Each structure stands twice: as structure tokens, then as C-alpha cells.
């Protein structure tokens, strides 16, 4: 189900309720950078996944 009341406003969210190992994580199909790395800081600053 798509929540049009959010996507029409360019608002998106993802949630996950399982303790999945970090090496299996994906955001928009992109694996997250290492914790506390410069790449992770960039993800936080940009508030979006950034391909490596």
C-alpha cells in the first residue's frame, strides 16, 4: 500500500522491525557505509543514501 498523502509531498519513510546484521542492510538498494566513517557522516549530512 502506498501512502499518497505523504508521497505526493515528497515524504518517504522506511522502517524495519528485525535485528538484521548491518552487512545485510540496504537503503534504496545501497549498502550503508561503515559506522562512524566519513561516508556515514555524509549520509547523515545529506539525509539520503549516497552511492560509493
C-alpha atoms as a PDB file:
ATOM      1  CA  UNK A   1       0.000   0.000   0.000  1.00  0.00           C
ATOM      2  CA  UNK A   2       1.336   3.435  -0.918  1.00  0.00           C
ATOM      3  CA  UNK A   3       0.543   6.380   1.332  1.00  0.00           C
ATOM      4  CA  UNK A   4      -0.262   9.038  -1.242  1.00  0.00           C
ATOM      5  CA  UNK A   5      -0.773  11.660   1.462  1.00  0.00           C
ATOM      6  CA  UNK A   6       2.988  11.505   2.036  1.00  0.00           C
ATOM      7  CA  UNK A   7       4.448  10.632  -1.361  1.00  0.00           C
ATOM      8  CA  UNK A   8       2.596  13.481  -3.061  1.00  0.00           C
ATOM      9  CA  UNK A   9       4.556  15.782  -0.738  1.00  0.00           C
ATOM     10  CA  UNK A  10       7.866  14.030  -1.467  1.00  0.00           C
ATOM     11  CA  UNK A  11       7.876  12.480   2.011  1.00  0.00           C
ATOM     12  CA  UNK A  12       9.128   8.918   2.256  1.00  0.00           C
ATOM     13  CA  UNK A  13       9.941   6.650   5.138  1.00  0.00           C
ATOM     14  CA  UNK A  14      11.370   3.207   5.638  1.00  0.00           C
ATOM     15  CA  UNK A  15      11.097   1.100   8.736  1.00  0.00           C
ATOM     16  CA  UNK A  16      12.340  -2.260   9.784  1.00  0.00           C
ATOM     17  CA  UNK A  17      11.471  -4.272  12.882  1.00  0.00           C
ATOM     18  CA  UNK A  18      14.079  -7.006  12.782  1.00  0.00           C
ATOM     19  CA  UNK A  19      17.625  -7.086  14.165  1.00  0.00           C
ATOM     20  CA  UNK A  20      19.291  -7.694  10.818  1.00  0.00           C
ATOM     21  CA  UNK A  21      23.097  -7.772  10.634  1.00  0.00           C
ATOM     22  CA  UNK A  22      24.474  -4.490   9.243  1.00  0.00           C
ATOM     23  CA  UNK A  23      26.101  -6.243   6.272  1.00  0.00           C
ATOM     24  CA  UNK A  24      22.582  -7.150   5.048  1.00  0.00           C
ATOM     25  CA  UNK A  25      21.176  -3.604   5.288  1.00  0.00           C
ATOM     26  CA  UNK A  26      20.181  -1.733   2.143  1.00  0.00           C
ATOM     27  CA  UNK A  27      18.677   1.720   1.674  1.00  0.00           C
ATOM     28  CA  UNK A  28      17.391   2.309  -1.842  1.00  0.00           C
ATOM     29  CA  UNK A  29      19.466  -0.726  -2.807  1.00  0.00           C
ATOM     30  CA  UNK A  30      22.678   0.809  -1.420  1.00  0.00           C
ATOM     31  CA  UNK A  31      24.671  -0.814   1.379  1.00  0.00           C
ATOM     32  CA  UNK A  32      25.385   1.613   4.238  1.00  0.00           C
ATOM     33  CA  UNK A  33      28.904   2.883   4.866  1.00  0.00           C
ATOM     34  CA  UNK A  34      30.932   1.771   7.865  1.00  0.00           C
ATOM     35  CA  UNK A  35      29.816   3.144  11.216  1.00  0.00           C
ATOM     36  CA  UNK A  36      31.425   6.462  12.200  1.00  0.00           C
ATOM     37  CA  UNK A  37      33.145   6.785   8.802  1.00  0.00           C
ATOM     38  CA  UNK A  38      33.336   9.957   6.715  1.00  0.00           C
ATOM     39  CA  UNK A  39      30.911   8.341   4.261  1.00  0.00           C
ATOM     40  CA  UNK A  40      28.381   7.778   7.056  1.00  0.00           C
ATOM     41  CA  UNK A  41      28.742  11.412   8.137  1.00  0.00           C
ATOM     42  CA  UNK A  42      27.970  12.435   4.559  1.00  0.00           C
ATOM     43  CA  UNK A  43      24.834  10.248   4.549  1.00  0.00           C
ATOM     44  CA  UNK A  44      23.712  11.951   7.748  1.00  0.00           C
ATOM     45  CA  UNK A  45      24.522  15.430   6.434  1.00  0.00           C
ATOM     46  CA  UNK A  46      22.707  14.837   3.129  1.00  0.00           C
ATOM     47  CA  UNK A  47      19.919  12.834   4.816  1.00  0.00           C
ATOM     48  CA  UNK A  48      19.934  10.309   1.982  1.00  0.00           C
ATOM     49  CA  UNK A  49      21.886   7.282   0.804  1.00  0.00           C
ATOM     50  CA  UNK A  50      24.839   8.170  -1.390  1.00  0.00           C
ATOM     51  CA  UNK A  51      26.394   5.601  -3.728  1.00  0.00           C
ATOM     52  CA  UNK A  52      30.070   4.882  -3.134  1.00  0.00           C
END
